[in-house]
């Protein structure tokens, strides 16, 4: 099931996305599927008539994993950490499909990082690895936008990865997908820059949930970004950046100037 969050000129609503690529229809839902059973209102809208929004706005946090692909760690001259390297993005960094990624005045080296993202379905703590999938609502595409020069300068990553617009998510949440070995591709203006598979992760999805939930409570709607494969690189104002994950879809955003 694909769950989208959208606007048709009014308050955001949720819908199940039906139909084949290029002919999708939204079956509008009652309320937020994180907090109530899936129930259709009977209203149906063509996808082309609505604006897709970020499929979820985390109530508290976006939890991220650094250096979870060995080749990505190597391309930046880093060692693979012995345990998952965890950092946070604020929920104010989240934007949706076709929203602009703002190029901040404080950086001159803005990078894309295409990633598989997962959405937590319920309050959970100390989740055993074998039960990790019980707390996942589904999966979406993410872009862990990074001011690489600030990351190097600061030594810690809060500022470099926490600007407004630095966490594009979308286009929707896929609830039924085996993500153990799916293809992930990032393009800039149609040119492939990243190409990897989730089977290359050092720590898989279940291991990451078990690790993170050991020291922090995860809440419904929290997002976990699972790391990026090799091939990260710069973005410039005017670039169209797309993250495509097999079985989910494509998230596209344009880099824009700061007002």
Protein backbone atom coordinates (compact mmCIF):
# COMPACT_ATOMS: atom_id res chain seq x y z
CA UNK A 1 0.00 0.00 0.00
CA UNK A 2 1.23 3.49 -0.87
CA UNK A 3 0.18 6.22 1.55
CA UNK A 4 0.49 9.83 0.44
CA UNK A 5 0.01 13.14 2.19
CA UNK A 6 -1.30 15.84 -0.11
CA UNK A 7 -3.04 19.16 -0.52
CA UNK A 8 -5.70 20.11 -3.02
CA UNK A 9 -5.80 23.77 -2.01
CA UNK A 10 -6.90 23.09 1.56
CA UNK A 11 -5.58 21.46 4.73
CA UNK A 12 -3.33 18.41 4.21
CA UNK A 13 -5.05 15.06 3.83
CA UNK A 14 -3.91 11.46 3.47
CA UNK A 15 -4.73 8.99 0.72
CA UNK A 16 -3.93 5.56 -0.61
CA UNK A 17 -2.26 5.80 -4.01
CA UNK A 18 -3.81 3.46 -6.55
CA UNK A 19 -3.13 2.79 -10.22
CA UNK A 20 -0.13 2.40 -12.47
CA UNK A 21 2.67 4.90 -12.92
CA UNK A 22 1.41 7.90 -14.86
CA UNK A 23 -2.25 7.19 -14.06
CA UNK A 24 -2.29 7.25 -10.25
CA UNK A 25 -5.45 8.07 -8.34
CA UNK A 26 -5.67 9.08 -4.67
CA UNK A 27 -8.31 7.36 -2.53
CA UNK A 28 -8.72 9.91 0.25
CA UNK A 29 -8.60 8.64 3.85
CA UNK A 30 -10.28 9.61 7.08
CA UNK A 31 -7.70 11.33 9.29
CA UNK A 32 -4.07 10.36 9.82
CA UNK A 33 -3.29 6.65 9.23
CA UNK A 34 -0.65 6.80 11.96
CA UNK A 35 -3.38 7.23 14.54
CA UNK A 36 -6.48 5.54 13.14
CA UNK A 37 -7.32 2.54 10.95
CA UNK A 38 -7.23 2.96 7.20
CA UNK A 39 -10.71 4.05 6.13
CA UNK A 40 -11.56 5.64 2.77
CA UNK A 41 -13.91 8.61 2.53
CA UNK A 42 -15.05 7.67 -0.96
CA UNK A 43 -13.43 10.75 -2.49
CA UNK A 44 -11.01 10.01 -5.33
CA UNK A 45 -8.65 12.48 -6.97
CA UNK A 46 -6.22 12.16 -9.88
CA UNK A 47 -2.64 12.54 -8.68
CA UNK A 48 -2.04 15.26 -11.27
CA UNK A 49 -4.71 17.44 -9.62
CA UNK A 50 -3.06 17.61 -6.19
CA UNK A 51 0.21 18.70 -4.63
CA UNK A 52 2.12 15.94 -2.87
CA UNK A 53 3.53 16.93 0.52
CA UNK A 54 6.15 15.26 2.68
CA UNK A 55 4.45 11.94 3.48
CA UNK A 56 5.09 12.48 7.18
CA UNK A 57 6.16 15.37 9.42
CA UNK A 58 7.95 13.75 12.35
CA UNK A 59 6.43 14.72 15.69
CA UNK A 60 9.85 14.76 17.31
CA UNK A 61 12.88 13.78 15.23
CA UNK A 62 14.63 12.44 12.18
CA UNK A 63 17.25 9.88 13.26
CA UNK A 64 20.10 9.45 10.78
CA UNK A 65 22.89 6.93 10.28
CA UNK A 66 26.30 8.01 9.02
CA UNK A 67 28.80 5.90 7.11
CA UNK A 68 26.51 2.89 6.76
CA UNK A 69 27.92 2.00 3.32
CA UNK A 70 31.62 1.13 3.26
CA UNK A 71 32.33 2.71 -0.14
CA UNK A 72 30.73 6.00 0.96
CA UNK A 73 32.87 6.09 4.09
CA UNK A 74 35.95 5.45 1.96
CA UNK A 75 35.16 8.13 -0.63
CA UNK A 76 35.26 10.79 2.11
CA UNK A 77 38.40 9.34 3.68
CA UNK A 78 36.66 7.92 6.74
CA UNK A 79 36.88 4.61 8.54
CA UNK A 80 33.79 2.46 8.94
CA UNK A 81 32.66 2.94 12.57
CA UNK A 82 32.43 -0.21 14.71
CA UNK A 83 28.86 0.70 15.73
CA UNK A 84 26.17 2.71 13.90
CA UNK A 85 27.05 6.41 13.81
CA UNK A 86 23.87 8.22 14.86
CA UNK A 87 22.93 11.89 14.50
CA UNK A 88 19.67 13.86 14.37
CA UNK A 89 17.98 16.27 12.00
CA UNK A 90 15.24 18.57 13.32
CA UNK A 91 11.73 18.03 12.02
CA UNK A 92 11.89 21.58 10.62
CA UNK A 93 14.34 20.28 7.99
CA UNK A 94 11.64 18.13 6.35
CA UNK A 95 10.20 19.14 2.97
CA UNK A 96 8.21 17.25 0.34
CA UNK A 97 8.38 16.42 -3.36
CA UNK A 98 9.16 19.36 -5.66
CA UNK A 99 9.82 21.67 -2.69
CA UNK A 100 12.97 23.74 -3.00
CA UNK A 101 16.21 22.83 -1.24
CA UNK A 102 17.52 26.21 -0.12
CA UNK A 103 21.24 26.78 -0.72
CA UNK A 104 22.27 28.56 2.51
CA UNK A 105 24.51 31.61 2.48
CA UNK A 106 26.74 29.92 5.09
CA UNK A 107 27.99 27.14 2.81
CA UNK A 108 29.76 26.85 -0.52
CA UNK A 109 29.74 23.04 -0.73
CA UNK A 110 26.20 21.65 -0.62
CA UNK A 111 25.89 17.89 -1.20
CA UNK A 112 23.10 15.39 -1.92
CA UNK A 113 22.90 12.04 -0.14
CA UNK A 114 20.14 9.75 -1.42
CA UNK A 115 18.86 7.36 1.24
CA UNK A 116 16.21 4.83 2.14
CA UNK A 117 14.00 6.27 4.90
CA UNK A 118 11.63 4.40 7.15
CA UNK A 119 8.70 5.71 9.19
CA UNK A 120 8.00 4.45 12.72
CA UNK A 121 4.40 3.36 13.35
CA UNK A 122 4.09 3.39 17.15
CA UNK A 123 5.78 4.33 20.40
CA UNK A 124 8.59 1.87 21.01
CA UNK A 125 11.68 1.36 23.10
CA UNK A 126 14.23 -1.45 23.29
CA UNK A 127 12.86 -3.23 20.24
CA UNK A 128 14.45 -6.67 19.67
CA UNK A 129 15.93 -7.07 16.21
CA UNK A 130 13.54 -9.88 15.39
CA UNK A 131 10.54 -7.60 16.10
CA UNK A 132 11.85 -4.48 14.38
CA UNK A 133 9.51 -4.75 11.43
CA UNK A 134 6.52 -4.64 13.81
CA UNK A 135 7.22 -0.94 14.46
CA UNK A 136 7.68 0.17 10.82
CA UNK A 137 4.78 1.85 9.03
CA UNK A 138 6.65 1.82 5.74
CA UNK A 139 9.43 3.25 3.61
CA UNK A 140 10.05 6.35 1.53
CA UNK A 141 12.88 8.12 -0.31
CA UNK A 142 15.06 10.63 1.53
CA UNK A 143 17.84 13.09 0.77
CA UNK A 144 20.22 13.80 3.64
CA UNK A 145 21.29 17.23 2.34
CA UNK A 146 24.64 18.22 3.82
CA UNK A 147 26.76 21.38 3.94
CA UNK A 148 30.00 19.46 3.59
CA UNK A 149 32.29 22.37 4.45
CA UNK A 150 30.39 23.08 7.66
CA UNK A 151 30.48 19.38 8.55
CA UNK A 152 34.27 19.44 8.33
CA UNK A 153 34.57 22.80 10.09
CA UNK A 154 32.26 22.09 13.03
CA UNK A 155 33.42 18.57 13.82
CA UNK A 156 29.86 17.63 14.74
CA UNK A 157 27.02 17.58 12.25
CA UNK A 158 24.05 19.42 13.74
CA UNK A 159 24.47 22.61 11.72
CA UNK A 160 25.75 20.98 8.53
CA UNK A 161 22.74 18.69 8.27
CA UNK A 162 20.07 20.61 10.16
CA UNK A 163 19.17 23.61 7.99
CA UNK A 164 15.54 24.11 6.99
CA UNK A 165 14.85 22.12 3.76
CA UNK A 166 17.75 19.70 4.38
CA UNK A 167 15.54 16.59 4.65
CA UNK A 168 13.40 16.04 1.54
CA UNK A 169 11.07 13.03 1.90
CA UNK A 170 8.65 11.41 -0.55
CA UNK A 171 6.86 10.83 -2.75
CA UNK A 172 4.80 8.57 -0.45
CA UNK A 173 5.15 5.77 2.09
CA UNK A 174 5.24 2.21 0.77
CA UNK A 175 3.99 -0.10 3.51
CA UNK A 176 4.63 -3.47 1.85
CA UNK A 177 8.21 -3.78 0.65
CA UNK A 178 11.17 -6.06 1.32
CA UNK A 179 14.04 -3.55 1.49
CA UNK A 180 16.82 -6.07 2.08
CA UNK A 181 18.10 -5.65 -1.50
CA UNK A 182 16.53 -2.81 -3.48
CA UNK A 183 18.21 -0.44 -5.91
CA UNK A 184 18.84 3.20 -4.96
CA UNK A 185 19.78 5.80 -7.58
CA UNK A 186 20.40 9.53 -7.28
CA UNK A 187 20.51 11.75 -10.35
CA UNK A 188 21.37 15.41 -10.81
CA UNK A 189 19.74 16.95 -13.88
CA UNK A 190 19.15 13.43 -15.18
CA UNK A 191 22.77 12.28 -14.77
CA UNK A 192 23.31 9.31 -12.46
CA UNK A 193 25.56 10.21 -9.51
CA UNK A 194 24.75 7.45 -7.01
CA UNK A 195 23.88 3.86 -7.73
CA UNK A 196 23.77 1.27 -4.97
CA UNK A 197 21.69 -1.40 -3.30
CA UNK A 198 20.43 -1.61 0.26
CA UNK A 199 22.11 -5.00 0.58
CA UNK A 200 25.36 -3.01 0.77
CA UNK A 201 24.38 -1.51 4.13
CA UNK A 202 26.74 -2.38 6.95
CA UNK A 203 23.87 -2.37 9.46
CA UNK A 204 20.48 -3.45 8.10
CA UNK A 205 17.13 -1.90 8.95
CA UNK A 206 16.29 -4.27 11.80
CA UNK A 207 19.71 -3.81 13.39
CA UNK A 208 19.40 -0.03 13.21
CA UNK A 209 15.99 0.03 14.89
CA UNK A 210 17.22 -2.27 17.66
CA UNK A 211 20.32 -0.11 18.17
CA UNK A 212 18.57 3.27 18.19
CA UNK A 213 15.61 2.15 20.33
CA UNK A 214 18.01 0.88 22.97
CA UNK A 215 18.84 4.45 23.99
CA UNK A 216 15.90 6.59 22.80
CA UNK A 217 12.15 6.21 22.57
CA UNK A 218 10.84 6.28 19.02
CA UNK A 219 7.47 7.92 18.42
CA UNK A 220 4.84 7.46 15.70
CA UNK A 221 5.96 9.38 12.63
CA UNK A 222 9.62 9.49 13.56
CA UNK A 223 11.83 8.94 10.52
CA UNK A 224 15.03 6.91 10.31
CA UNK A 225 17.43 7.64 7.44
CA UNK A 226 19.54 4.54 6.88
CA UNK A 227 22.69 5.95 5.25
CA UNK A 228 23.84 6.74 1.75
CA UNK A 229 25.81 4.74 -0.83
CA UNK A 230 28.92 6.04 -2.58
CA UNK A 231 28.75 8.82 -5.13
CA UNK A 232 27.72 11.82 -3.05
CA UNK A 233 28.61 15.18 -4.53
CA UNK A 234 27.80 18.85 -4.93
CA UNK A 235 24.54 20.48 -5.88
CA UNK A 236 24.21 23.94 -7.38
CA UNK A 237 21.37 26.42 -7.59
CA UNK A 238 19.03 25.35 -10.38
CA UNK A 239 19.90 21.65 -10.16
CA UNK A 240 17.11 19.07 -10.12
CA UNK A 241 18.03 16.25 -7.75
CA UNK A 242 16.09 12.97 -7.83
CA UNK A 243 16.32 9.98 -5.49
CA UNK A 244 14.73 6.80 -6.87
CA UNK A 245 14.28 3.64 -4.82
CA UNK A 246 13.08 0.42 -6.41
CA UNK A 247 9.58 -0.45 -5.23
CA UNK A 248 8.87 3.03 -3.86
CA UNK A 249 9.23 5.73 -6.51
CA UNK A 250 11.11 8.97 -7.15
CA UNK A 251 11.62 12.04 -4.98
CA UNK A 252 12.64 15.17 -6.92
CA UNK A 253 13.65 18.56 -5.55
CA UNK A 254 15.19 21.68 -7.09
CA UNK A 255 18.01 23.63 -5.48
CA UNK A 256 17.02 27.28 -5.01
CA UNK A 257 18.65 30.44 -3.69
CA UNK A 258 18.12 31.85 -0.22
CA UNK A 259 15.61 34.71 -0.30
